[in-house]
């Protein structure tokens, strides 16, 4: 449908509107390219730097974490070796203490045995002396009955008893050998 030449086409804008739209568009394009686009570029560059800096920081943190892990593992291995050394030293010290206690116990046992033997020897000597004295009294009494004279005199009695005991010792000594 073709319209008459004088009539305006409602679909096509007026020429002045087209020119005004082009000027406004060019003005807007100029403002955007002069002020807005550089700010966007600056923000984009800053964001890119932050992201790259974050990546570098993350890589550095990962490297630091790896170094710390290796250091921790080295310290852990050193601590394990130290604990093993301490455990071995404690075992050796325990063995040494056990040996010292065993030696002390043996010394104490030997001392107790020696004291016991000394007491036994003293008691034996005392019993032998008592038996000799008793044997001497009975021998004097028996000799006095046999001889028929009184052996009450102390010097005589001692001489007789000592002689009797020495004869008894000389007779029993060869038998013991």
Protein backbone atom coordinates (compact mmCIF):
# COMPACT_ATOMS: atom_id res chain seq x y z
CA UNK A 1 0.00 0.00 0.00
CA UNK A 2 1.46 3.03 -1.20
CA UNK A 3 0.44 6.21 0.39
CA UNK A 4 0.04 9.41 -1.30
CA UNK A 5 3.03 11.64 -1.54
CA UNK A 6 1.85 14.10 0.96
CA UNK A 7 0.96 11.70 3.60
CA UNK A 8 3.45 10.63 6.21
CA UNK A 9 4.39 7.05 6.67
CA UNK A 10 3.68 6.11 10.29
CA UNK A 11 6.41 3.44 10.26
CA UNK A 12 9.26 5.69 9.06
CA UNK A 13 10.44 8.40 11.47
CA UNK A 14 10.93 11.96 10.43
CA UNK A 15 14.28 12.98 9.05
CA UNK A 16 14.91 15.41 11.86
CA UNK A 17 14.35 12.64 14.36
CA UNK A 18 16.82 10.43 12.54
CA UNK A 19 19.45 13.19 12.55
CA UNK A 20 18.80 14.00 16.21
CA UNK A 21 19.03 10.27 17.10
CA UNK A 22 22.32 9.93 15.20
CA UNK A 23 23.78 13.01 16.95
CA UNK A 24 22.62 11.74 20.36
CA UNK A 25 24.01 8.30 19.59
CA UNK A 26 27.37 9.78 18.54
CA UNK A 27 27.41 11.97 21.65
CA UNK A 28 26.61 8.96 23.83
CA UNK A 29 29.26 6.90 22.02
CA UNK A 30 31.79 9.70 22.63
CA UNK A 31 30.95 9.91 26.39
CA UNK A 32 31.07 6.13 26.76
CA UNK A 33 34.37 5.79 24.90
CA UNK A 34 35.93 8.79 26.71
CA UNK A 35 34.74 8.23 30.31
CA UNK A 36 32.94 4.93 30.83
CA UNK A 37 35.08 2.55 28.76
CA UNK A 38 38.38 3.61 30.43
CA UNK A 39 36.84 3.10 33.88
CA UNK A 40 35.64 -0.34 32.83
CA UNK A 41 39.11 -1.11 31.46
CA UNK A 42 40.70 0.14 34.69
CA UNK A 43 38.33 -1.98 36.81
CA UNK A 44 38.97 -4.95 34.53
CA UNK A 45 42.75 -4.49 34.88
CA UNK A 46 42.45 -4.17 38.68
CA UNK A 47 40.30 -7.27 38.88
CA UNK A 48 42.76 -9.14 36.65
CA UNK A 49 45.65 -8.06 38.91
CA UNK A 50 43.72 -9.14 42.01
CA UNK A 51 42.96 -12.50 40.48
CA UNK A 52 46.53 -13.00 39.31
CA UNK A 53 47.81 -11.77 42.72
CA UNK A 54 45.42 -14.17 44.41
CA UNK A 55 46.69 -17.00 42.27
CA UNK A 56 50.28 -16.04 43.07
CA UNK A 57 49.41 -15.79 46.77
CA UNK A 58 47.70 -19.17 46.61
CA UNK A 59 50.73 -20.69 44.89
CA UNK A 60 53.02 -19.07 47.49
CA UNK A 61 50.77 -20.29 50.31
CA UNK A 62 50.82 -23.78 48.81
CA UNK A 63 54.62 -23.68 48.57
CA UNK A 64 54.82 -22.42 52.16
CA UNK A 65 52.45 -25.17 53.25
CA UNK A 66 54.62 -27.77 51.48
CA UNK A 67 57.74 -26.37 53.18
CA UNK A 68 55.97 -26.37 56.55
CA UNK A 69 54.80 -29.95 55.95
CA UNK A 70 58.32 -31.06 55.11
CA UNK A 71 59.66 -29.26 58.17
CA UNK A 72 56.94 -30.84 60.32
CA UNK A 73 57.74 -34.29 58.93
CA UNK A 74 61.45 -33.73 59.60
CA UNK A 75 60.71 -32.61 63.17
CA UNK A 76 58.40 -35.59 63.62
CA UNK A 77 61.11 -37.97 62.41
CA UNK A 78 63.61 -36.27 64.72
CA UNK A 79 61.17 -36.55 67.64
CA UNK A 80 60.64 -40.23 66.89
CA UNK A 81 64.38 -40.82 66.80
CA UNK A 82 64.77 -38.88 70.05
CA UNK A 83 62.01 -40.89 71.72
CA UNK A 84 63.62 -44.14 70.54
CA UNK A 85 66.95 -42.97 71.95
CA UNK A 86 65.32 -42.00 75.25
CA UNK A 87 63.54 -45.37 75.38
CA UNK A 88 66.82 -47.20 74.74
CA UNK A 89 68.59 -45.10 77.38
CA UNK A 90 65.80 -45.85 79.85
CA UNK A 91 66.08 -49.57 79.14
CA UNK A 92 69.85 -49.48 79.61
CA UNK A 93 69.46 -47.49 82.81
CA UNK A 94 66.81 -49.94 84.05
CA UNK A 95 69.18 -52.84 83.34
CA UNK A 96 71.98 -51.04 85.17
CA UNK A 97 69.71 -50.33 88.16
CA UNK A 98 68.55 -53.95 88.14
CA UNK A 99 72.17 -55.16 88.13
CA UNK A 100 73.05 -52.74 90.95
CA UNK A 101 70.07 -53.92 92.99
CA UNK A 102 71.00 -57.54 92.32
CA UNK A 103 74.58 -56.86 93.45
CA UNK A 104 73.35 -55.07 96.55
CA UNK A 105 70.99 -57.94 97.33
CA UNK A 106 73.82 -60.44 96.92
CA UNK A 107 76.07 -58.35 99.17
CA UNK A 108 73.30 -58.09 101.75
CA UNK A 109 72.67 -61.84 101.55
CA UNK A 110 76.38 -62.53 101.96
CA UNK A 111 76.51 -60.16 104.94
CA UNK A 112 73.47 -61.84 106.53
CA UNK A 113 74.98 -65.30 105.93
CA UNK A 114 78.30 -64.15 107.43
CA UNK A 115 76.49 -62.75 110.46
CA UNK A 116 74.57 -66.01 110.81
CA UNK A 117 77.75 -68.03 110.55
CA UNK A 118 79.43 -65.78 113.11
CA UNK A 119 76.48 -66.20 115.49
CA UNK A 120 76.53 -69.96 114.95
CA UNK A 121 80.26 -70.07 115.63
CA UNK A 122 79.79 -67.99 118.79
CA UNK A 123 76.92 -70.17 119.95
CA UNK A 124 78.91 -73.29 119.13
CA UNK A 125 81.90 -71.98 121.10
CA UNK A 126 79.62 -71.11 124.01
CA UNK A 127 77.96 -74.54 123.92
CA UNK A 128 81.36 -76.26 123.69
CA UNK A 129 82.62 -74.21 126.66
CA UNK A 130 79.49 -75.05 128.66
CA UNK A 131 79.78 -78.72 127.73
CA UNK A 132 83.48 -78.76 128.69
CA UNK A 133 82.72 -77.14 132.02
CA UNK A 134 79.86 -79.56 132.63
CA UNK A 135 81.98 -82.48 131.46
CA UNK A 136 84.79 -81.28 133.71
CA UNK A 137 82.51 -81.12 136.77
CA UNK A 138 81.11 -84.55 136.08
CA UNK A 139 84.58 -85.94 135.43
CA UNK A 140 85.85 -84.49 138.73
CA UNK A 141 82.87 -85.89 140.58
CA UNK A 142 83.33 -89.29 138.94
CA UNK A 143 87.08 -89.25 139.53
CA UNK A 144 86.48 -88.28 143.12
CA UNK A 145 84.19 -91.27 143.60
CA UNK A 146 86.62 -93.62 141.87
CA UNK A 147 89.75 -92.37 143.60
CA UNK A 148 87.98 -92.04 146.88
CA UNK A 149 89.51 -88.76 147.76
CA UNK A 150 87.97 -85.39 147.53
CA UNK A 151 88.94 -83.35 144.55
CA UNK A 152 87.32 -80.27 145.96
CA UNK A 153 90.48 -78.29 145.89
CA UNK A 154 90.10 -75.85 142.99
CA UNK A 155 93.68 -75.98 141.75
CA UNK A 156 93.69 -79.75 141.74
CA UNK A 157 90.39 -79.96 140.11
CA UNK A 158 91.39 -77.57 137.32
CA UNK A 159 94.61 -79.44 136.70
CA UNK A 160 92.76 -82.75 136.56
CA UNK A 161 90.04 -81.39 134.28
CA UNK A 162 92.51 -79.71 131.95
CA UNK A 163 94.57 -82.85 131.74
CA UNK A 164 91.46 -84.95 131.06
CA UNK A 165 90.24 -82.58 128.34
CA UNK A 166 93.62 -82.41 126.64
CA UNK A 167 93.79 -86.22 126.63
CA UNK A 168 90.27 -86.28 125.25
CA UNK A 169 91.21 -83.78 122.52
CA UNK A 170 94.33 -85.72 121.61
CA UNK A 171 92.35 -88.95 121.36
CA UNK A 172 89.53 -87.40 119.34
CA UNK A 173 91.79 -85.35 117.05
CA UNK A 174 93.31 -88.33 115.21
CA UNK A 175 89.84 -89.85 114.91
CA UNK A 176 88.50 -86.67 113.26
CA UNK A 177 91.30 -86.67 110.72
